[in-house]
Each structure stands twice: as structure tokens, then as C-alpha cells.
Amino acid sequence: MFVTRRSMIELAGAAVASWSMPRLVAAADFWNTKDPDAWTQDEITKLLHKSPWAKEIVGERTTTQKNSGTTNPSDPTFGSPYPRTGSRRTNPMGLPGGNARNPKPSSNKTTTTYKGTVVWESAKIIRAAAKTPLPEGFDNQYVLSVTGVPLAKNSSRNALDAVRQVTFLTAKGKDPLEAATVQQNQGNGAIYYIGFSREALTLSKDDKEIAFATAMGKVHFTAKFNPKDMLYRGELAV
């Protein structure tokens, strides 16, 4: 992995400090006024994709490709330090040619944008919407999922452990917590389930912000959650 543990901790802390998202309008909190059995498919989709428990993440990677900068290869003088016969061009030393026909290489930059979704899977409200249990192996853990972004090159233990080491959860004023467990589900697209010890990080509705940070190589991703918005039936749902 290209990202160090220290850089991810700093990223998580910066994300908490920069919180400025407005609270959702209370009138839209259908989950507090309707029973799960009465939720429509559109409402369930909203909960799982764009809600206080589901946040979009975006990251960009820029690559640079160098061009040779040479001229037309069909030119008889292509690659030669000397000009065509009869040319009067000279260099400062008085010799013909120089690098007039071989300019410095140029470069093209290509930017790739990655978009995904982070869902707080262990929240009671999300389990009610998904109607399925969490994978085994996440007892007493906060569990978040990442979809849409290929965090690991493959599903090997080493690859997933590398993801674990650069993934953190933090609350403002508290130390970042490194992920404890990472699993990959290869169902309809790769889903990464990431667990954090509940005992190691106590969260409450009085926390100002909770930030999730991870990385794919040199590409950083951050999702920010506001505990005041994550109330289900009056309790913090995490």
C-alpha cells in the first residue's frame, strides 16, 4: 500500500475538524414516523444510498504519461542532430544542427475519479431496511461497508489486511481507531465490510462528528457522519 498509517490518522483527524454539513430536515425522517414494514422501496433505497447512515465518497488519481516530443518520423532528419542540407541553423558552438528538431518531451495528465458509498451497516435502522443479517465475525463491532471502490487488488488475507491498516474511524476529540476486521463479499460487485471495536471507541449522540477514512493506494476517501442526524426512535443508531 502507498499510504502510511500516520497519513491516514492525520486524514481522519482533518475530516473531523472540517465538518460543516447541515442537518437534514426533520420532516424527511420518515424512519421515525413509520414502521419498517410501511417503508416504501424508494424510502429503503434512500436509507441505503443517501441518508445520515449512507454517504458518498469520492477520490481522484492523476497519472502522468510522457511523450517523446519528437517530430514526424518520416522526416529524413528525424532523430538526427543535424538539419537538412542547406540549412543555415547553427548552435552557439558554430556547429550545424543542435536539438532544434528534438524538443524536450512533454507529458499528458490523466485523472481517474472513483465514486463509492459508505453505509453504517451495524445501525439497527440499516439492518431493518436491508432485511438481512450482517456477515459472521463482527461481534461487538461497529460495521461499515464500502461499495463502488476497489479498495483491494484481490480478496486474499494479505490484501484485506492492508486495507484494514489504512482504515480508521474517529470522533472529534478522540483518537482515531484502526479497523479490526475487513471482509469482502463478491456478490453483486465487491462489498467491503469493515469492523471497529465498540469497546475501544465509545460513540454517543453528543459527539460532534464521526469520520470514516480509508485509502486505495495513494487515493484517499473520507465519509463524515453527524450523530445528531443518526437518531432512530430517539437513540443513536450505530
C-alpha atoms as a PDB file:
ATOM      1  CA  MET A   1       0.000   0.000   0.000  1.00  0.00           C
ATOM      2  CA  PHE A   2       1.200   3.546  -0.720  1.00  0.00           C
ATOM      3  CA  VAL A   3      -0.474   5.189   2.287  1.00  0.00           C
ATOM      4  CA  THR A   4       1.177   5.155   5.690  1.00  0.00           C
ATOM      5  CA  ARG A   5      -0.649   4.602   8.946  1.00  0.00           C
ATOM      6  CA  ARG A   6       0.358   8.102  10.099  1.00  0.00           C
ATOM      7  CA  SER A   7      -1.051   9.788   6.992  1.00  0.00           C
ATOM      8  CA  MET A   8      -4.391   8.016   7.416  1.00  0.00           C
ATOM      9  CA  ILE A   9      -4.603   9.077  11.066  1.00  0.00           C
ATOM     10  CA  GLU A  10      -3.937  12.684  10.018  1.00  0.00           C
ATOM     11  CA  LEU A  11      -6.589  12.380   7.281  1.00  0.00           C
ATOM     12  CA  ALA A  12      -9.189  11.104   9.727  1.00  0.00           C
ATOM     13  CA  GLY A  13      -8.440  13.943  12.145  1.00  0.00           C
ATOM     14  CA  ALA A  14      -8.669  16.558   9.408  1.00  0.00           C
ATOM     15  CA  ALA A  15     -12.013  15.211   8.274  1.00  0.00           C
ATOM     16  CA  VAL A  16     -13.461  15.640  11.755  1.00  0.00           C
ATOM     17  CA  ALA A  17     -12.164  19.190  12.031  1.00  0.00           C
ATOM     18  CA  SER A  18     -13.715  20.220   8.725  1.00  0.00           C
ATOM     19  CA  TRP A  19     -17.337  19.209   9.435  1.00  0.00           C
ATOM     20  CA  SER A  20     -19.843  21.703   8.069  1.00  0.00           C
ATOM     21  CA  MET A  21     -22.720  19.626   6.676  1.00  0.00           C
ATOM     22  CA  PRO A  22     -26.197  20.914   7.553  1.00  0.00           C
ATOM     23  CA  ARG A  23     -28.649  18.711   9.435  1.00  0.00           C
ATOM     24  CA  LEU A  24     -31.328  17.030   7.358  1.00  0.00           C
ATOM     25  CA  VAL A  25     -34.821  18.433   7.633  1.00  0.00           C
ATOM     26  CA  ALA A  26     -36.749  16.632  10.364  1.00  0.00           C
ATOM     27  CA  ALA A  27     -39.769  16.292   8.122  1.00  0.00           C
ATOM     28  CA  ALA A  28     -37.780  13.886   5.941  1.00  0.00           C
ATOM     29  CA  ASP A  29     -37.156  11.494   8.851  1.00  0.00           C
ATOM     30  CA  PHE A  30     -39.808   9.008   7.771  1.00  0.00           C
ATOM     31  CA  TRP A  31     -37.978   6.281   9.695  1.00  0.00           C
ATOM     32  CA  ASN A  32     -39.089   7.893  12.951  1.00  0.00           C
ATOM     33  CA  THR A  33     -42.740   8.225  11.944  1.00  0.00           C
ATOM     34  CA  LYS A  34     -43.337   4.954  10.084  1.00  0.00           C
ATOM     35  CA  ASP A  35     -42.715   1.333  10.986  1.00  0.00           C
ATOM     36  CA  PRO A  36     -40.180  -0.549   8.815  1.00  0.00           C
ATOM     37  CA  ASP A  37     -42.951  -2.654   7.291  1.00  0.00           C
ATOM     38  CA  ALA A  38     -44.507   0.547   5.952  1.00  0.00           C
ATOM     39  CA  TRP A  39     -41.345   1.879   4.296  1.00  0.00           C
ATOM     40  CA  THR A  40     -41.615   2.138   0.531  1.00  0.00           C
ATOM     41  CA  GLN A  41     -38.930   0.845  -1.803  1.00  0.00           C
ATOM     42  CA  ASP A  42     -37.897   4.424  -2.569  1.00  0.00           C
ATOM     43  CA  GLU A  43     -37.530   5.125   1.146  1.00  0.00           C
ATOM     44  CA  ILE A  44     -35.436   1.989   1.654  1.00  0.00           C
ATOM     45  CA  THR A  45     -33.238   2.961  -1.285  1.00  0.00           C
ATOM     46  CA  LYS A  46     -32.751   6.395   0.248  1.00  0.00           C
ATOM     47  CA  LEU A  47     -31.705   4.898   3.578  1.00  0.00           C
ATOM     48  CA  LEU A  48     -29.178   2.586   1.932  1.00  0.00           C
ATOM     49  CA  HIS A  49     -27.684   5.095  -0.505  1.00  0.00           C
ATOM     50  CA  LYS A  50     -28.162   8.685   0.674  1.00  0.00           C
ATOM     51  CA  SER A  51     -29.112   9.216   4.298  1.00  0.00           C
ATOM     52  CA  PRO A  52     -27.490  10.010   7.654  1.00  0.00           C
ATOM     53  CA  TRP A  53     -26.202   6.395   7.562  1.00  0.00           C
ATOM     54  CA  ALA A  54     -25.110   6.302   3.899  1.00  0.00           C
ATOM     55  CA  LYS A  55     -22.553   8.734   2.498  1.00  0.00           C
ATOM     56  CA  GLU A  56     -20.919   9.120  -0.909  1.00  0.00           C
ATOM     57  CA  ILE A  57     -17.143   9.045  -1.110  1.00  0.00           C
ATOM     58  CA  VAL A  58     -15.081  10.469  -3.959  1.00  0.00           C
ATOM     59  CA  GLY A  59     -11.377  10.197  -4.724  1.00  0.00           C
ATOM     60  CA  GLU A  60      -9.154  11.100  -7.662  1.00  0.00           C
ATOM     61  CA  ARG A  61      -5.934   9.633  -9.024  1.00  0.00           C
ATOM     62  CA  THR A  62      -3.791  11.511 -11.541  1.00  0.00           C
ATOM     63  CA  THR A  63      -1.275   9.707 -13.736  1.00  0.00           C
ATOM     64  CA  THR A  64       1.311  11.301 -15.998  1.00  0.00           C
ATOM     65  CA  GLN A  65       2.372   9.888 -19.357  1.00  0.00           C
ATOM     66  CA  LYS A  66       5.433  11.358 -21.042  1.00  0.00           C
ATOM     67  CA  ASN A  67       5.541  11.999 -24.787  1.00  0.00           C
ATOM     68  CA  SER A  68       8.775  11.776 -26.744  1.00  0.00           C
ATOM     69  CA  GLY A  69       8.344  15.297 -28.155  1.00  0.00           C
ATOM     70  CA  THR A  70       9.945  14.263 -31.495  1.00  0.00           C
ATOM     71  CA  THR A  71       8.721  15.332 -34.887  1.00  0.00           C
ATOM     72  CA  ASN A  72       7.470  13.339 -37.857  1.00  0.00           C
ATOM     73  CA  PRO A  73       9.426  10.046 -38.139  1.00  0.00           C
ATOM     74  CA  SER A  74       9.181  10.276 -41.970  1.00  0.00           C
ATOM     75  CA  ASP A  75      11.408  13.357 -41.861  1.00  0.00           C
ATOM     76  CA  PRO A  76      14.915  12.340 -43.077  1.00  0.00           C
ATOM     77  CA  THR A  77      16.442  14.263 -40.206  1.00  0.00           C
ATOM     78  CA  PHE A  78      14.189  12.661 -37.552  1.00  0.00           C
ATOM     79  CA  GLY A  79      16.329  11.879 -34.514  1.00  0.00           C
ATOM     80  CA  SER A  80      19.422  13.447 -36.074  1.00  0.00           C
ATOM     81  CA  PRO A  81      21.303  16.387 -34.507  1.00  0.00           C
ATOM     82  CA  TYR A  82      21.884  17.821 -37.971  1.00  0.00           C
ATOM     83  CA  PRO A  83      19.450  19.771 -40.144  1.00  0.00           C
ATOM     84  CA  ARG A  84      18.550  19.205 -43.777  1.00  0.00           C
ATOM     85  CA  THR A  85      21.231  20.019 -46.340  1.00  0.00           C
ATOM     86  CA  GLY A  86      21.431  23.712 -46.989  1.00  0.00           C
ATOM     87  CA  SER A  87      20.078  24.775 -43.609  1.00  0.00           C
ATOM     88  CA  ARG A  88      21.773  27.821 -42.087  1.00  0.00           C
ATOM     89  CA  ARG A  89      20.818  26.958 -38.497  1.00  0.00           C
ATOM     90  CA  THR A  90      23.841  26.677 -36.201  1.00  0.00           C
ATOM     91  CA  ASN A  91      24.334  26.222 -32.480  1.00  0.00           C
ATOM     92  CA  PRO A  92      26.367  28.510 -30.187  1.00  0.00           C
ATOM     93  CA  MET A  93      29.484  26.421 -30.860  1.00  0.00           C
ATOM     94  CA  GLY A  94      29.267  27.158 -34.566  1.00  0.00           C
ATOM     95  CA  LEU A  95      28.323  23.590 -35.438  1.00  0.00           C
ATOM     96  CA  PRO A  96      25.250  22.848 -37.542  1.00  0.00           C
ATOM     97  CA  GLY A  97      22.084  21.416 -36.123  1.00  0.00           C
ATOM     98  CA  GLY A  98      21.722  21.217 -32.348  1.00  0.00           C
ATOM     99  CA  ASN A  99      18.440  19.966 -30.872  1.00  0.00           C
ATOM    100  CA  ALA A 100      16.133  22.179 -32.914  1.00  0.00           C
ATOM    101  CA  ARG A 101      14.324  19.149 -34.287  1.00  0.00           C
ATOM    102  CA  ASN A 102      14.173  17.332 -30.918  1.00  0.00           C
ATOM    103  CA  PRO A 103      12.229  19.455 -28.399  1.00  0.00           C
ATOM    104  CA  LYS A 104      12.002  18.428 -24.750  1.00  0.00           C
ATOM    105  CA  PRO A 105       9.476  15.638 -24.033  1.00  0.00           C
ATOM    106  CA  SER A 106       6.030  16.791 -22.960  1.00  0.00           C
ATOM    107  CA  SER A 107       3.590  14.975 -20.678  1.00  0.00           C
ATOM    108  CA  ASN A 108      -0.133  14.325 -20.551  1.00  0.00           C
ATOM    109  CA  LYS A 109      -2.018  14.018 -17.258  1.00  0.00           C
ATOM    110  CA  THR A 110      -4.986  11.692 -16.901  1.00  0.00           C
ATOM    111  CA  THR A 111      -7.329  11.946 -13.920  1.00  0.00           C
ATOM    112  CA  THR A 112      -9.449   8.980 -12.847  1.00  0.00           C
ATOM    113  CA  THR A 113     -12.350   9.651 -10.476  1.00  0.00           C
ATOM    114  CA  TYR A 114     -13.623   6.945  -8.129  1.00  0.00           C
ATOM    115  CA  LYS A 115     -17.053   7.166  -6.515  1.00  0.00           C
ATOM    116  CA  GLY A 116     -18.490   4.862  -3.905  1.00  0.00           C
ATOM    117  CA  THR A 117     -20.810   4.652  -0.908  1.00  0.00           C
ATOM    118  CA  VAL A 118     -20.109   4.074   2.777  1.00  0.00           C
ATOM    119  CA  VAL A 119     -23.010   2.605   4.769  1.00  0.00           C
ATOM    120  CA  TRP A 120     -23.172   2.209   8.545  1.00  0.00           C
ATOM    121  CA  GLU A 121     -24.260  -1.427   8.347  1.00  0.00           C
ATOM    122  CA  SER A 122     -24.445  -2.179  12.068  1.00  0.00           C
ATOM    123  CA  ALA A 123     -27.080   0.511  12.678  1.00  0.00           C
ATOM    124  CA  LYS A 124     -30.402  -1.054  13.628  1.00  0.00           C
ATOM    125  CA  ILE A 125     -32.239   1.059  11.069  1.00  0.00           C
ATOM    126  CA  ILE A 126     -29.995  -0.164   8.225  1.00  0.00           C
ATOM    127  CA  ARG A 127     -30.495  -3.789   9.200  1.00  0.00           C
ATOM    128  CA  ALA A 128     -34.262  -3.156   9.179  1.00  0.00           C
ATOM    129  CA  ALA A 129     -34.001  -1.684   5.679  1.00  0.00           C
ATOM    130  CA  ALA A 130     -31.669  -4.377   4.303  1.00  0.00           C
ATOM    131  CA  LYS A 131     -33.703  -7.201   5.878  1.00  0.00           C
ATOM    132  CA  THR A 132     -30.592  -9.375   6.080  1.00  0.00           C
ATOM    133  CA  PRO A 133     -28.145 -10.161   8.902  1.00  0.00           C
ATOM    134  CA  LEU A 134     -24.558  -8.959   8.994  1.00  0.00           C
ATOM    135  CA  PRO A 135     -21.822 -11.388   7.930  1.00  0.00           C
ATOM    136  CA  GLU A 136     -20.392 -13.504  10.748  1.00  0.00           C
ATOM    137  CA  GLY A 137     -17.283 -12.347  12.554  1.00  0.00           C
ATOM    138  CA  PHE A 138     -18.335  -8.840  13.571  1.00  0.00           C
ATOM    139  CA  ASP A 139     -19.498  -9.384  17.149  1.00  0.00           C
ATOM    140  CA  ASN A 140     -19.395  -6.242  19.301  1.00  0.00           C
ATOM    141  CA  GLN A 141     -18.161  -4.103  16.425  1.00  0.00           C
ATOM    142  CA  TYR A 142     -19.337  -1.067  14.523  1.00  0.00           C
ATOM    143  CA  VAL A 143     -19.611  -2.276  10.942  1.00  0.00           C
ATOM    144  CA  LEU A 144     -19.422  -0.049   7.876  1.00  0.00           C
ATOM    145  CA  SER A 145     -19.428  -1.133   4.252  1.00  0.00           C
ATOM    146  CA  VAL A 146     -17.743   0.338   1.186  1.00  0.00           C
ATOM    147  CA  THR A 147     -19.117  -0.274  -2.315  1.00  0.00           C
ATOM    148  CA  GLY A 148     -18.140   1.108  -5.696  1.00  0.00           C
ATOM    149  CA  VAL A 149     -14.417   1.408  -4.954  1.00  0.00           C
ATOM    150  CA  PRO A 150     -11.916  -1.471  -5.423  1.00  0.00           C
ATOM    151  CA  LEU A 151     -10.022  -0.998  -2.171  1.00  0.00           C
ATOM    152  CA  ALA A 152      -8.021  -4.227  -2.566  1.00  0.00           C
ATOM    153  CA  LYS A 153      -6.386  -5.846  -5.602  1.00  0.00           C
ATOM    154  CA  ASN A 154      -7.879  -9.195  -4.606  1.00  0.00           C
ATOM    155  CA  SER A 155      -9.647 -10.914  -1.715  1.00  0.00           C
ATOM    156  CA  SER A 156      -6.549 -12.518  -0.197  1.00  0.00           C
ATOM    157  CA  ARG A 157      -5.899 -12.207   3.511  1.00  0.00           C
ATOM    158  CA  ASN A 158      -2.837 -10.014   2.937  1.00  0.00           C
ATOM    159  CA  ALA A 159      -4.697  -7.647   0.592  1.00  0.00           C
ATOM    160  CA  LEU A 160      -7.591  -7.204   3.004  1.00  0.00           C
ATOM    161  CA  ASP A 161      -5.233  -6.741   5.950  1.00  0.00           C
ATOM    162  CA  ALA A 162      -3.511  -3.959   4.017  1.00  0.00           C
ATOM    163  CA  VAL A 163      -6.914  -2.242   3.698  1.00  0.00           C
ATOM    164  CA  ARG A 164      -7.507  -2.714   7.418  1.00  0.00           C
ATOM    165  CA  GLN A 165      -4.250  -0.964   8.290  1.00  0.00           C
ATOM    166  CA  VAL A 166      -5.188   2.234   6.425  1.00  0.00           C
ATOM    167  CA  THR A 167      -8.825   2.410   7.539  1.00  0.00           C
ATOM    168  CA  PHE A 168      -9.839   4.451  10.592  1.00  0.00           C
ATOM    169  CA  LEU A 169     -12.893   5.612  12.493  1.00  0.00           C
ATOM    170  CA  THR A 170     -12.754   8.659  14.740  1.00  0.00           C
ATOM    171  CA  ALA A 171     -14.922  11.087  16.649  1.00  0.00           C
ATOM    172  CA  LYS A 172     -13.997  14.705  17.256  1.00  0.00           C
ATOM    173  CA  GLY A 173     -11.729  14.989  20.273  1.00  0.00           C
ATOM    174  CA  LYS A 174     -10.974  11.240  20.353  1.00  0.00           C
ATOM    175  CA  ASP A 175      -8.076   9.237  18.977  1.00  0.00           C
ATOM    176  CA  PRO A 176      -8.612   7.549  15.590  1.00  0.00           C
ATOM    177  CA  LEU A 177      -9.395   3.839  15.843  1.00  0.00           C
ATOM    178  CA  GLU A 178      -7.824   1.424  13.368  1.00  0.00           C
ATOM    179  CA  ALA A 179     -10.141  -1.150  11.799  1.00  0.00           C
ATOM    180  CA  ALA A 180     -10.210  -4.555  13.475  1.00  0.00           C
ATOM    181  CA  THR A 181     -11.798  -6.688  10.754  1.00  0.00           C
ATOM    182  CA  VAL A 182     -12.165  -6.500   6.965  1.00  0.00           C
ATOM    183  CA  GLN A 183     -14.200  -8.914   4.859  1.00  0.00           C
ATOM    184  CA  GLN A 184     -15.028  -8.843   1.172  1.00  0.00           C
ATOM    185  CA  ASN A 185     -18.290 -10.043  -0.341  1.00  0.00           C
ATOM    186  CA  GLN A 186     -18.121 -10.734  -4.066  1.00  0.00           C
ATOM    187  CA  GLY A 187     -21.885 -10.864  -4.655  1.00  0.00           C
ATOM    188  CA  ASN A 188     -23.206  -8.180  -6.988  1.00  0.00           C
ATOM    189  CA  GLY A 189     -19.974  -6.209  -7.097  1.00  0.00           C
ATOM    190  CA  ALA A 190     -17.337  -6.083  -4.377  1.00  0.00           C
ATOM    191  CA  ILE A 191     -18.583  -5.019  -0.947  1.00  0.00           C
ATOM    192  CA  TYR A 192     -16.071  -4.454   1.812  1.00  0.00           C
ATOM    193  CA  TYR A 193     -17.366  -4.910   5.355  1.00  0.00           C
ATOM    194  CA  ILE A 194     -15.118  -3.163   7.874  1.00  0.00           C
ATOM    195  CA  GLY A 195     -15.451  -3.589  11.630  1.00  0.00           C
ATOM    196  CA  PHE A 196     -14.252  -1.422  14.539  1.00  0.00           C
ATOM    197  CA  SER A 197     -14.216  -2.395  18.215  1.00  0.00           C
ATOM    198  CA  ARG A 198     -17.105  -0.840  20.163  1.00  0.00           C
ATOM    199  CA  GLU A 199     -15.132  -1.205  23.382  1.00  0.00           C
ATOM    200  CA  ALA A 200     -12.216   0.796  22.011  1.00  0.00           C
ATOM    201  CA  LEU A 201     -14.344   3.744  20.841  1.00  0.00           C
ATOM    202  CA  THR A 202     -17.478   4.852  22.643  1.00  0.00           C
ATOM    203  CA  LEU A 203     -19.841   6.892  20.479  1.00  0.00           C
ATOM    204  CA  SER A 204     -22.811   8.951  21.634  1.00  0.00           C
ATOM    205  CA  LYS A 205     -25.349  11.320  20.135  1.00  0.00           C
ATOM    206  CA  ASP A 206     -23.460  14.155  21.823  1.00  0.00           C
ATOM    207  CA  ASP A 207     -20.414  13.615  19.614  1.00  0.00           C
ATOM    208  CA  LYS A 208     -19.945  16.448  17.125  1.00  0.00           C
ATOM    209  CA  GLU A 209     -18.890  14.287  14.195  1.00  0.00           C
ATOM    210  CA  ILE A 210     -17.746  10.811  13.265  1.00  0.00           C
ATOM    211  CA  ALA A 211     -15.338  10.347  10.373  1.00  0.00           C
ATOM    212  CA  PHE A 212     -14.501   7.203   8.398  1.00  0.00           C
ATOM    213  CA  ALA A 213     -11.272   7.273   6.382  1.00  0.00           C
ATOM    214  CA  THR A 214      -9.690   4.711   4.088  1.00  0.00           C
ATOM    215  CA  ALA A 215      -7.467   4.588   1.022  1.00  0.00           C
ATOM    216  CA  MET A 216      -6.775   2.746  -2.224  1.00  0.00           C
ATOM    217  CA  GLY A 217      -3.090   3.142  -2.943  1.00  0.00           C
ATOM    218  CA  LYS A 218      -2.492   6.906  -2.963  1.00  0.00           C
ATOM    219  CA  VAL A 219      -6.201   7.739  -3.287  1.00  0.00           C
ATOM    220  CA  HIS A 220      -7.830   8.839  -0.013  1.00  0.00           C
ATOM    221  CA  PHE A 221     -11.535   8.552   0.809  1.00  0.00           C
ATOM    222  CA  THR A 222     -13.416  10.134   3.693  1.00  0.00           C
ATOM    223  CA  ALA A 223     -17.052   9.864   4.806  1.00  0.00           C
ATOM    224  CA  LYS A 224     -18.400  12.125   7.561  1.00  0.00           C
ATOM    225  CA  PHE A 225     -21.389  11.322   9.775  1.00  0.00           C
ATOM    226  CA  ASN A 226     -23.324  13.616  12.116  1.00  0.00           C
ATOM    227  CA  PRO A 227     -24.544  11.712  15.215  1.00  0.00           C
ATOM    228  CA  LYS A 228     -27.383  14.204  15.728  1.00  0.00           C
ATOM    229  CA  ASP A 229     -28.843  13.013  12.422  1.00  0.00           C
ATOM    230  CA  MET A 230     -28.366   9.327  13.195  1.00  0.00           C
ATOM    231  CA  LEU A 231     -31.184   9.007  15.704  1.00  0.00           C
ATOM    232  CA  TYR A 232     -33.671   6.172  15.333  1.00  0.00           C
ATOM    233  CA  ARG A 233     -36.566   6.105  17.794  1.00  0.00           C
ATOM    234  CA  GLY A 234     -34.656   8.599  19.929  1.00  0.00           C
ATOM    235  CA  GLU A 235     -31.469   6.520  20.181  1.00  0.00           C
ATOM    236  CA  LEU A 236     -28.160   6.799  18.361  1.00  0.00           C
ATOM    237  CA  ALA A 237     -28.179   4.082  15.704  1.00  0.00           C
ATOM    238  CA  VAL A 238     -24.647   2.923  15.021  1.00  0.00           C
END
